[in-house]
Amino acid sequence: MLFKYIQNWKKAVTSFALSVLLFACNQPTKELPLFEALSAEQTGIQFENKLHPNEQFNMFHYMYYYNGAGVGTGDFNNDGKADIFFASNEGDNQLYLNQGKLKFTEVSKQAQIPQDSAWNTGVSVVDINNDGLLDFSLGVSFSQSNGE
């Protein structure tokens, strides 16, 4: 009787193990990604915050060197679409207007965005002067042009 019980128990454990293996080896259904990377050609956004470290100016002399400058989004031209402002550390700040369907146009010169070589540390988007239009404010650590 004990022998028969052990044989049944072995069969049950073997059947269970095989069932687990078979179900575990099932191919999962492929889920669609939530996000997809789009190229600069697809979006029109060509911004890159390029840094050029040298012996005098690098992360050893300025510990926030690689912290980045900032991005602000808001409807800057009141067309109902979220536009993007990119602040740069060593390059030009850029404003992109949203044309819809993830297409953007760079309008920094037309918007007279100052290119003052300041080391920008952040962007805030707010209606600072209470005129009903969004503004952006840049946090600046120092200006490379005058060394302050």
C-alpha atoms as a PDB file:
ATOM      1  CA  MET A   1       0.000   0.000   0.000  1.00  0.00           C
ATOM      2  CA  LEU A   2       2.814   2.418   0.883  1.00  0.00           C
ATOM      3  CA  PHE A   3       4.575   1.494  -2.352  1.00  0.00           C
ATOM      4  CA  LYS A   4       1.439   2.280  -4.392  1.00  0.00           C
ATOM      5  CA  TYR A   5       1.042   5.615  -2.555  1.00  0.00           C
ATOM      6  CA  ILE A   6       4.661   6.593  -3.358  1.00  0.00           C
ATOM      7  CA  GLN A   7       4.197   5.671  -7.048  1.00  0.00           C
ATOM      8  CA  ASN A   8       1.031   7.807  -7.277  1.00  0.00           C
ATOM      9  CA  TRP A   9       2.777  10.654  -5.479  1.00  0.00           C
ATOM     10  CA  LYS A  10       5.735  10.496  -7.927  1.00  0.00           C
ATOM     11  CA  LYS A  11       3.341  10.517 -10.892  1.00  0.00           C
ATOM     12  CA  ALA A  12       1.518  13.526  -9.449  1.00  0.00           C
ATOM     13  CA  VAL A  13       4.751  15.474  -8.841  1.00  0.00           C
ATOM     14  CA  THR A  14       6.066  14.582 -12.310  1.00  0.00           C
ATOM     15  CA  SER A  15       2.780  15.635 -13.937  1.00  0.00           C
ATOM     16  CA  PHE A  16       2.782  18.910 -12.024  1.00  0.00           C
ATOM     17  CA  ALA A  17       6.425  19.652 -12.954  1.00  0.00           C
ATOM     18  CA  LEU A  18       5.755  18.935 -16.628  1.00  0.00           C
ATOM     19  CA  SER A  19       2.658  21.140 -16.581  1.00  0.00           C
ATOM     20  CA  VAL A  20       4.626  24.012 -15.037  1.00  0.00           C
ATOM     21  CA  LEU A  21       7.370  23.653 -17.649  1.00  0.00           C
ATOM     22  CA  LEU A  22       4.902  23.565 -20.527  1.00  0.00           C
ATOM     23  CA  PHE A  23       3.020  26.634 -19.348  1.00  0.00           C
ATOM     24  CA  ALA A  24       6.238  28.473 -18.491  1.00  0.00           C
ATOM     25  CA  CYS A  25       7.586  27.944 -21.995  1.00  0.00           C
ATOM     26  CA  ASN A  26       4.573  29.530 -23.661  1.00  0.00           C
ATOM     27  CA  GLN A  27       5.537  32.454 -25.882  1.00  0.00           C
ATOM     28  CA  PRO A  28       4.206  35.648 -24.314  1.00  0.00           C
ATOM     29  CA  THR A  29       2.103  37.860 -26.516  1.00  0.00           C
ATOM     30  CA  LYS A  30       4.106  40.754 -27.867  1.00  0.00           C
ATOM     31  CA  GLU A  31       2.922  44.036 -26.378  1.00  0.00           C
ATOM     32  CA  LEU A  32       3.149  47.235 -28.371  1.00  0.00           C
ATOM     33  CA  PRO A  33       5.550  49.785 -26.878  1.00  0.00           C
ATOM     34  CA  LEU A  34       4.055  52.737 -25.029  1.00  0.00           C
ATOM     35  CA  PHE A  35       6.596  55.145 -26.539  1.00  0.00           C
ATOM     36  CA  GLU A  36       8.648  55.204 -29.705  1.00  0.00           C
ATOM     37  CA  ALA A  37      11.833  57.213 -30.270  1.00  0.00           C
ATOM     38  CA  LEU A  38      11.470  59.672 -33.146  1.00  0.00           C
ATOM     39  CA  SER A  39      14.401  61.048 -35.113  1.00  0.00           C
ATOM     40  CA  ALA A  40      15.291  64.707 -35.562  1.00  0.00           C
ATOM     41  CA  GLU A  41      14.184  64.405 -39.194  1.00  0.00           C
ATOM     42  CA  GLN A  42      10.738  63.223 -38.086  1.00  0.00           C
ATOM     43  CA  THR A  43      10.203  65.919 -35.425  1.00  0.00           C
ATOM     44  CA  GLY A  44      12.242  68.860 -36.736  1.00  0.00           C
ATOM     45  CA  ILE A  45      14.011  69.199 -33.354  1.00  0.00           C
ATOM     46  CA  GLN A  46      17.746  69.583 -33.933  1.00  0.00           C
ATOM     47  CA  PHE A  47      18.737  70.718 -30.414  1.00  0.00           C
ATOM     48  CA  GLU A  48      21.749  69.150 -28.728  1.00  0.00           C
ATOM     49  CA  ASN A  49      23.324  70.444 -25.510  1.00  0.00           C
ATOM     50  CA  LYS A  50      26.936  69.828 -26.575  1.00  0.00           C
ATOM     51  CA  LEU A  51      29.609  70.391 -23.956  1.00  0.00           C
ATOM     52  CA  HIS A  52      33.271  71.056 -24.691  1.00  0.00           C
ATOM     53  CA  PRO A  53      35.316  70.378 -21.543  1.00  0.00           C
ATOM     54  CA  ASN A  54      38.880  71.627 -21.460  1.00  0.00           C
ATOM     55  CA  GLU A  55      41.652  71.907 -18.856  1.00  0.00           C
ATOM     56  CA  GLN A  56      40.273  75.102 -17.342  1.00  0.00           C
ATOM     57  CA  PHE A  57      36.574  74.270 -17.442  1.00  0.00           C
ATOM     58  CA  ASN A  58      35.391  70.738 -16.693  1.00  0.00           C
ATOM     59  CA  MET A  59      33.600  68.718 -14.003  1.00  0.00           C
ATOM     60  CA  PHE A  60      36.644  68.856 -11.712  1.00  0.00           C
ATOM     61  CA  HIS A  61      36.538  72.675 -11.634  1.00  0.00           C
ATOM     62  CA  TYR A  62      32.752  72.991 -11.821  1.00  0.00           C
ATOM     63  CA  MET A  63      30.938  70.056 -10.221  1.00  0.00           C
ATOM     64  CA  TYR A  64      27.634  70.788 -12.008  1.00  0.00           C
ATOM     65  CA  TYR A  65      29.234  70.621 -15.462  1.00  0.00           C
ATOM     66  CA  TYR A  66      27.138  67.654 -16.644  1.00  0.00           C
ATOM     67  CA  ASN A  67      23.855  68.573 -14.925  1.00  0.00           C
ATOM     68  CA  GLY A  68      22.275  69.932 -18.100  1.00  0.00           C
ATOM     69  CA  ALA A  69      20.512  73.183 -18.753  1.00  0.00           C
ATOM     70  CA  GLY A  70      16.784  72.536 -18.918  1.00  0.00           C
ATOM     71  CA  VAL A  71      13.673  72.115 -20.997  1.00  0.00           C
ATOM     72  CA  GLY A  72      10.409  73.988 -20.655  1.00  0.00           C
ATOM     73  CA  THR A  73       7.136  73.237 -22.409  1.00  0.00           C
ATOM     74  CA  GLY A  74       4.104  75.448 -22.752  1.00  0.00           C
ATOM     75  CA  ASP A  75       1.828  77.028 -25.316  1.00  0.00           C
ATOM     76  CA  PHE A  76       3.986  80.093 -26.012  1.00  0.00           C
ATOM     77  CA  ASN A  77       2.040  81.258 -29.087  1.00  0.00           C
ATOM     78  CA  ASN A  78      -1.488  80.430 -27.785  1.00  0.00           C
ATOM     79  CA  ASP A  79      -2.372  78.013 -30.581  1.00  0.00           C
ATOM     80  CA  GLY A  80      -3.405  75.228 -28.189  1.00  0.00           C
ATOM     81  CA  LYS A  81      -0.268  73.124 -28.769  1.00  0.00           C
ATOM     82  CA  ALA A  82       2.633  72.550 -26.359  1.00  0.00           C
ATOM     83  CA  ASP A  83       5.792  74.267 -27.636  1.00  0.00           C
ATOM     84  CA  ILE A  84       9.310  73.461 -26.380  1.00  0.00           C
ATOM     85  CA  PHE A  85      12.099  75.718 -25.112  1.00  0.00           C
ATOM     86  CA  PHE A  86      15.591  74.199 -24.758  1.00  0.00           C
ATOM     87  CA  ALA A  87      18.227  75.946 -22.661  1.00  0.00           C
ATOM     88  CA  SER A  88      21.864  75.261 -23.480  1.00  0.00           C
ATOM     89  CA  ASN A  89      25.040  75.377 -21.453  1.00  0.00           C
ATOM     90  CA  GLU A  90      27.604  76.178 -24.134  1.00  0.00           C
ATOM     91  CA  GLY A  91      25.431  76.599 -27.214  1.00  0.00           C
ATOM     92  CA  ASP A  92      22.384  78.488 -28.371  1.00  0.00           C
ATOM     93  CA  ASN A  93      19.051  78.343 -26.553  1.00  0.00           C
ATOM     94  CA  GLN A  94      16.279  77.243 -28.911  1.00  0.00           C
ATOM     95  CA  LEU A  95      12.517  77.674 -29.115  1.00  0.00           C
ATOM     96  CA  TYR A  96      10.453  75.190 -31.134  1.00  0.00           C
ATOM     97  CA  LEU A  97       6.811  75.807 -32.038  1.00  0.00           C
ATOM     98  CA  ASN A  98       4.558  72.793 -32.261  1.00  0.00           C
ATOM     99  CA  GLN A  99       3.009  72.359 -35.722  1.00  0.00           C
ATOM    100  CA  GLY A 100       0.965  69.327 -34.633  1.00  0.00           C
ATOM    101  CA  LYS A 101       1.508  65.580 -35.052  1.00  0.00           C
ATOM    102  CA  LEU A 102       4.894  65.844 -33.247  1.00  0.00           C
ATOM    103  CA  LYS A 103       6.359  68.222 -35.877  1.00  0.00           C
ATOM    104  CA  PHE A 104       8.193  71.321 -34.623  1.00  0.00           C
ATOM    105  CA  THR A 105       9.710  74.439 -36.207  1.00  0.00           C
ATOM    106  CA  GLU A 106      12.695  76.262 -34.692  1.00  0.00           C
ATOM    107  CA  VAL A 107      11.865  79.988 -34.277  1.00  0.00           C
ATOM    108  CA  SER A 108      14.612  81.258 -31.943  1.00  0.00           C
ATOM    109  CA  LYS A 109      15.743  84.106 -34.216  1.00  0.00           C
ATOM    110  CA  GLN A 110      12.191  85.254 -34.975  1.00  0.00           C
ATOM    111  CA  ALA A 111      11.370  85.167 -31.247  1.00  0.00           C
ATOM    112  CA  GLN A 112      14.611  87.079 -30.485  1.00  0.00           C
ATOM    113  CA  ILE A 113      15.855  84.500 -27.984  1.00  0.00           C
ATOM    114  CA  PRO A 114      19.085  85.964 -26.546  1.00  0.00           C
ATOM    115  CA  GLN A 115      22.234  83.969 -27.222  1.00  0.00           C
ATOM    116  CA  ASP A 116      24.471  85.277 -24.445  1.00  0.00           C
ATOM    117  CA  SER A 117      26.691  82.232 -23.669  1.00  0.00           C
ATOM    118  CA  ALA A 118      25.271  82.072 -20.135  1.00  0.00           C
ATOM    119  CA  TRP A 119      25.574  78.759 -18.285  1.00  0.00           C
ATOM    120  CA  ASN A 120      21.871  77.984 -17.957  1.00  0.00           C
ATOM    121  CA  THR A 121      20.819  75.710 -15.104  1.00  0.00           C
ATOM    122  CA  GLY A 122      17.061  75.453 -15.564  1.00  0.00           C
ATOM    123  CA  VAL A 123      13.909  76.696 -17.229  1.00  0.00           C
ATOM    124  CA  SER A 124      10.659  77.780 -15.570  1.00  0.00           C
ATOM    125  CA  VAL A 125       7.459  78.348 -17.538  1.00  0.00           C
ATOM    126  CA  VAL A 126       4.991  80.770 -15.932  1.00  0.00           C
ATOM    127  CA  ASP A 127       2.975  83.891 -16.752  1.00  0.00           C
ATOM    128  CA  ILE A 128       5.458  86.052 -14.831  1.00  0.00           C
ATOM    129  CA  ASN A 129       4.001  89.438 -15.836  1.00  0.00           C
ATOM    130  CA  ASN A 130       0.331  88.422 -15.551  1.00  0.00           C
ATOM    131  CA  ASP A 131      -0.506  89.314 -19.154  1.00  0.00           C
ATOM    132  CA  GLY A 132      -2.231  85.987 -19.891  1.00  0.00           C
ATOM    133  CA  LEU A 133       0.707  84.687 -21.956  1.00  0.00           C
ATOM    134  CA  LEU A 134       3.238  82.094 -20.843  1.00  0.00           C
ATOM    135  CA  ASP A 135       6.796  83.291 -20.305  1.00  0.00           C
ATOM    136  CA  PHE A 136       9.955  81.313 -19.641  1.00  0.00           C
ATOM    137  CA  SER A 137      12.569  82.250 -17.117  1.00  0.00           C
ATOM    138  CA  LEU A 138      16.121  80.908 -17.219  1.00  0.00           C
ATOM    139  CA  GLY A 139      18.196  80.028 -14.207  1.00  0.00           C
ATOM    140  CA  VAL A 140      21.777  81.116 -14.868  1.00  0.00           C
ATOM    141  CA  SER A 141      24.817  79.981 -12.911  1.00  0.00           C
ATOM    142  CA  PHE A 142      27.329  82.293 -14.615  1.00  0.00           C
ATOM    143  CA  SER A 143      28.125  83.832 -17.944  1.00  0.00           C
ATOM    144  CA  GLN A 144      31.087  82.468 -19.869  1.00  0.00           C
ATOM    145  CA  SER A 145      31.442  85.676 -21.833  1.00  0.00           C
ATOM    146  CA  ASN A 146      32.265  87.833 -18.802  1.00  0.00           C
ATOM    147  CA  GLY A 147      33.391  85.085 -16.377  1.00  0.00           C
ATOM    148  CA  GLU A 148      30.822  85.931 -13.682  1.00  0.00           C
END
